[in-house]
Amino acid sequence: QVHLVESGGGMVQAGGSLRLSCAASAASGRTFSSYAVGWFRQAPGKEREFVAAINWSGDNTVHADSVSGRFIISRDNAKNTVYLQMNNLKVEDTAVYYCNADPKMGTVVAVGFASWGQGTQVTVSS
């Protein structure tokens, strides 16, 4: 099991940028570095959706069509952290953003998780 904490959210105008961080606790570090990690988001009144995923080594990434070309997922296993660089933000990107991890990339992409952290709020104004 990996304990993750999301941070970096905030309020930004449309067209702006934010970088989210997903950090694993020190006790989870060795496990975290062998797991695929994903970012997900949930807007008010909508279901949680997949945003991006990265495999354990960082050489395989997947981005949802809605964010492709604007968001970039990356990781630094030495820092036990996965990042989501969000550029050219749109009002429709407003949501609570969550991260989660699993040994299998397929599980991450399929949003196959039963439990979630508190997430970090991203609000984009027009």
C-alpha atoms as a PDB file:
ATOM      1  CA  GLN A   1       0.000   0.000   0.000  1.00  0.00           C
ATOM      2  CA  VAL A   2       1.196   3.468  -0.897  1.00  0.00           C
ATOM      3  CA  HIS A   3       0.195   6.593   0.986  1.00  0.00           C
ATOM      4  CA  LEU A   4      -0.032   9.572  -1.364  1.00  0.00           C
ATOM      5  CA  VAL A   5      -0.641  13.281  -0.790  1.00  0.00           C
ATOM      6  CA  GLU A   6      -1.700  15.690  -3.522  1.00  0.00           C
ATOM      7  CA  SER A   7      -0.707  19.366  -3.543  1.00  0.00           C
ATOM      8  CA  GLY A   8      -0.240  22.329  -5.847  1.00  0.00           C
ATOM      9  CA  GLY A   9      -3.812  23.219  -6.655  1.00  0.00           C
ATOM     10  CA  GLY A  10      -5.146  26.751  -6.661  1.00  0.00           C
ATOM     11  CA  MET A  11      -7.012  29.394  -8.610  1.00  0.00           C
ATOM     12  CA  VAL A  12      -5.775  30.514 -12.006  1.00  0.00           C
ATOM     13  CA  GLN A  13      -7.149  32.356 -15.009  1.00  0.00           C
ATOM     14  CA  ALA A  14      -7.873  30.566 -18.246  1.00  0.00           C
ATOM     15  CA  GLY A  15      -4.672  30.148 -20.233  1.00  0.00           C
ATOM     16  CA  GLY A  16      -2.563  29.929 -17.098  1.00  0.00           C
ATOM     17  CA  SER A  17      -0.491  27.069 -15.703  1.00  0.00           C
ATOM     18  CA  LEU A  18      -0.208  25.032 -12.518  1.00  0.00           C
ATOM     19  CA  ARG A  19       1.951  22.114 -11.459  1.00  0.00           C
ATOM     20  CA  LEU A  20       0.458  19.474  -9.199  1.00  0.00           C
ATOM     21  CA  SER A  21       2.527  17.145  -7.052  1.00  0.00           C
ATOM     22  CA  CYS A  22       1.718  13.660  -5.788  1.00  0.00           C
ATOM     23  CA  ALA A  23       4.126  12.697  -3.038  1.00  0.00           C
ATOM     24  CA  ALA A  24       4.547   9.332  -1.373  1.00  0.00           C
ATOM     25  CA  SER A  25       5.459   9.063   2.267  1.00  0.00           C
ATOM     26  CA  ALA A  26       9.013   8.020   3.114  1.00  0.00           C
ATOM     27  CA  ALA A  27       7.730   4.654   4.290  1.00  0.00           C
ATOM     28  CA  SER A  28       6.036   4.117   0.909  1.00  0.00           C
ATOM     29  CA  GLY A  29       8.991   5.231  -1.190  1.00  0.00           C
ATOM     30  CA  ARG A  30      10.400   1.861  -2.230  1.00  0.00           C
ATOM     31  CA  THR A  31       6.940   0.619  -3.224  1.00  0.00           C
ATOM     32  CA  PHE A  32       6.029   3.872  -4.934  1.00  0.00           C
ATOM     33  CA  SER A  33       9.007   3.704  -7.271  1.00  0.00           C
ATOM     34  CA  SER A  34       7.790   0.361  -8.631  1.00  0.00           C
ATOM     35  CA  TYR A  35       4.158   1.449  -9.141  1.00  0.00           C
ATOM     36  CA  ALA A  36       2.359   3.098 -12.021  1.00  0.00           C
ATOM     37  CA  VAL A  37       0.765   6.365 -10.918  1.00  0.00           C
ATOM     38  CA  GLY A  38      -2.174   8.248 -12.306  1.00  0.00           C
ATOM     39  CA  TRP A  39      -3.872  11.604 -12.002  1.00  0.00           C
ATOM     40  CA  PHE A  40      -7.651  11.817 -11.969  1.00  0.00           C
ATOM     41  CA  ARG A  41     -10.202  14.593 -11.518  1.00  0.00           C
ATOM     42  CA  GLN A  42     -13.753  15.048 -10.418  1.00  0.00           C
ATOM     43  CA  ALA A  43     -15.797  18.111 -11.259  1.00  0.00           C
ATOM     44  CA  PRO A  44     -18.970  18.996  -9.306  1.00  0.00           C
ATOM     45  CA  GLY A  45     -21.830  16.740 -10.329  1.00  0.00           C
ATOM     46  CA  LYS A  46     -19.636  14.550 -12.512  1.00  0.00           C
ATOM     47  CA  GLU A  47     -17.938  11.201 -12.107  1.00  0.00           C
ATOM     48  CA  ARG A  48     -14.244  10.925 -11.423  1.00  0.00           C
ATOM     49  CA  GLU A  49     -12.298  10.644 -14.669  1.00  0.00           C
ATOM     50  CA  PHE A  50      -8.854   9.596 -15.796  1.00  0.00           C
ATOM     51  CA  VAL A  51      -6.423  12.398 -16.688  1.00  0.00           C
ATOM     52  CA  ALA A  52      -2.956  10.887 -17.112  1.00  0.00           C
ATOM     53  CA  ALA A  53      -0.814   7.924 -16.080  1.00  0.00           C
ATOM     54  CA  ILE A  54       2.878   7.084 -15.962  1.00  0.00           C
ATOM     55  CA  ASN A  55       4.581   3.724 -15.535  1.00  0.00           C
ATOM     56  CA  TRP A  56       7.115   2.968 -12.822  1.00  0.00           C
ATOM     57  CA  SER A  57      10.168   4.040 -14.825  1.00  0.00           C
ATOM     58  CA  GLY A  58       8.608   7.079 -16.464  1.00  0.00           C
ATOM     59  CA  ASP A  59       9.158   5.936 -20.039  1.00  0.00           C
ATOM     60  CA  ASN A  60       5.508   5.190 -20.752  1.00  0.00           C
ATOM     61  CA  THR A  61       2.791   7.811 -20.319  1.00  0.00           C
ATOM     62  CA  VAL A  62      -0.868   8.058 -21.259  1.00  0.00           C
ATOM     63  CA  HIS A  63      -2.923  11.250 -21.369  1.00  0.00           C
ATOM     64  CA  ALA A  64      -6.662  11.628 -21.789  1.00  0.00           C
ATOM     65  CA  ASP A  65      -7.691  13.211 -25.072  1.00  0.00           C
ATOM     66  CA  SER A  66      -9.158  16.193 -23.224  1.00  0.00           C
ATOM     67  CA  VAL A  67      -5.759  17.182 -21.824  1.00  0.00           C
ATOM     68  CA  SER A  68      -3.373  15.840 -24.466  1.00  0.00           C
ATOM     69  CA  GLY A  69      -0.995  18.554 -25.625  1.00  0.00           C
ATOM     70  CA  ARG A  70      -1.724  20.703 -22.564  1.00  0.00           C
ATOM     71  CA  PHE A  71      -0.926  18.490 -19.539  1.00  0.00           C
ATOM     72  CA  ILE A  72       2.255  16.499 -18.992  1.00  0.00           C
ATOM     73  CA  ILE A  73       2.745  13.797 -16.371  1.00  0.00           C
ATOM     74  CA  SER A  74       6.248  13.055 -15.101  1.00  0.00           C
ATOM     75  CA  ARG A  75       7.931  11.476 -12.094  1.00  0.00           C
ATOM     76  CA  ASP A  76      11.047  11.716  -9.969  1.00  0.00           C
ATOM     77  CA  ASN A  77      11.488   8.456  -8.101  1.00  0.00           C
ATOM     78  CA  ALA A  78      14.403   9.884  -6.134  1.00  0.00           C
ATOM     79  CA  LYS A  79      11.909  12.341  -4.648  1.00  0.00           C
ATOM     80  CA  ASN A  80       9.014   9.839  -4.473  1.00  0.00           C
ATOM     81  CA  THR A  81       6.927  12.319  -6.430  1.00  0.00           C
ATOM     82  CA  VAL A  82       4.798  12.379  -9.566  1.00  0.00           C
ATOM     83  CA  TYR A  83       3.959  15.703 -11.189  1.00  0.00           C
ATOM     84  CA  LEU A  84       1.207  16.978 -13.450  1.00  0.00           C
ATOM     85  CA  GLN A  85       2.203  20.080 -15.373  1.00  0.00           C
ATOM     86  CA  MET A  86      -0.964  21.771 -16.557  1.00  0.00           C
ATOM     87  CA  ASN A  87      -0.648  24.428 -19.253  1.00  0.00           C
ATOM     88  CA  ASN A  88      -3.224  26.458 -21.169  1.00  0.00           C
ATOM     89  CA  LEU A  89      -5.820  25.703 -18.515  1.00  0.00           C
ATOM     90  CA  LYS A  90      -9.488  25.943 -19.443  1.00  0.00           C
ATOM     91  CA  VAL A  91     -12.545  26.639 -17.326  1.00  0.00           C
ATOM     92  CA  GLU A  92     -13.629  23.034 -17.902  1.00  0.00           C
ATOM     93  CA  ASP A  93     -10.448  21.818 -16.162  1.00  0.00           C
ATOM     94  CA  THR A  94     -11.928  23.027 -12.871  1.00  0.00           C
ATOM     95  CA  ALA A  95     -12.115  20.004 -10.554  1.00  0.00           C
ATOM     96  CA  VAL A  96     -10.617  18.284  -7.556  1.00  0.00           C
ATOM     97  CA  TYR A  97      -7.525  16.441  -8.746  1.00  0.00           C
ATOM     98  CA  TYR A  98      -6.451  13.142  -7.197  1.00  0.00           C
ATOM     99  CA  CYS A  99      -3.539  10.775  -7.648  1.00  0.00           C
ATOM    100  CA  ASN A 100      -3.429   7.062  -7.057  1.00  0.00           C
ATOM    101  CA  ALA A 101      -1.011   4.191  -7.682  1.00  0.00           C
ATOM    102  CA  ASP A 102      -1.036   0.520  -8.600  1.00  0.00           C
ATOM    103  CA  PRO A 103       1.528  -2.035  -9.775  1.00  0.00           C
ATOM    104  CA  LYS A 104      -0.366  -2.328 -13.066  1.00  0.00           C
ATOM    105  CA  MET A 105      -0.626   0.505 -15.577  1.00  0.00           C
ATOM    106  CA  GLY A 106      -3.884  -0.976 -16.822  1.00  0.00           C
ATOM    107  CA  THR A 107      -5.504  -0.633 -13.411  1.00  0.00           C
ATOM    108  CA  VAL A 108      -4.448   3.007 -13.234  1.00  0.00           C
ATOM    109  CA  VAL A 109      -5.829   3.863 -16.665  1.00  0.00           C
ATOM    110  CA  ALA A 110      -9.073   2.044 -15.846  1.00  0.00           C
ATOM    111  CA  VAL A 111      -9.479   4.055 -12.616  1.00  0.00           C
ATOM    112  CA  GLY A 112      -9.619   0.781 -10.713  1.00  0.00           C
ATOM    113  CA  PHE A 113      -9.413   2.158  -7.176  1.00  0.00           C
ATOM    114  CA  ALA A 114     -11.690   1.792  -4.176  1.00  0.00           C
ATOM    115  CA  SER A 115     -10.112   4.444  -1.959  1.00  0.00           C
ATOM    116  CA  TRP A 116      -8.939   7.975  -2.582  1.00  0.00           C
ATOM    117  CA  GLY A 117      -7.093  10.756  -0.800  1.00  0.00           C
ATOM    118  CA  GLN A 118      -8.368  14.278  -0.241  1.00  0.00           C
ATOM    119  CA  GLY A 119      -7.172  15.624  -3.562  1.00  0.00           C
ATOM    120  CA  THR A 120      -6.269  19.195  -4.462  1.00  0.00           C
ATOM    121  CA  GLN A 121      -8.698  21.768  -5.849  1.00  0.00           C
ATOM    122  CA  VAL A 122      -7.997  23.426  -9.186  1.00  0.00           C
ATOM    123  CA  THR A 123     -10.215  26.351 -10.156  1.00  0.00           C
ATOM    124  CA  VAL A 124      -9.895  28.030 -13.538  1.00  0.00           C
ATOM    125  CA  SER A 125     -11.705  31.312 -14.086  1.00  0.00           C
ATOM    126  CA  SER A 126     -12.605  32.914 -17.400  1.00  0.00           C
END
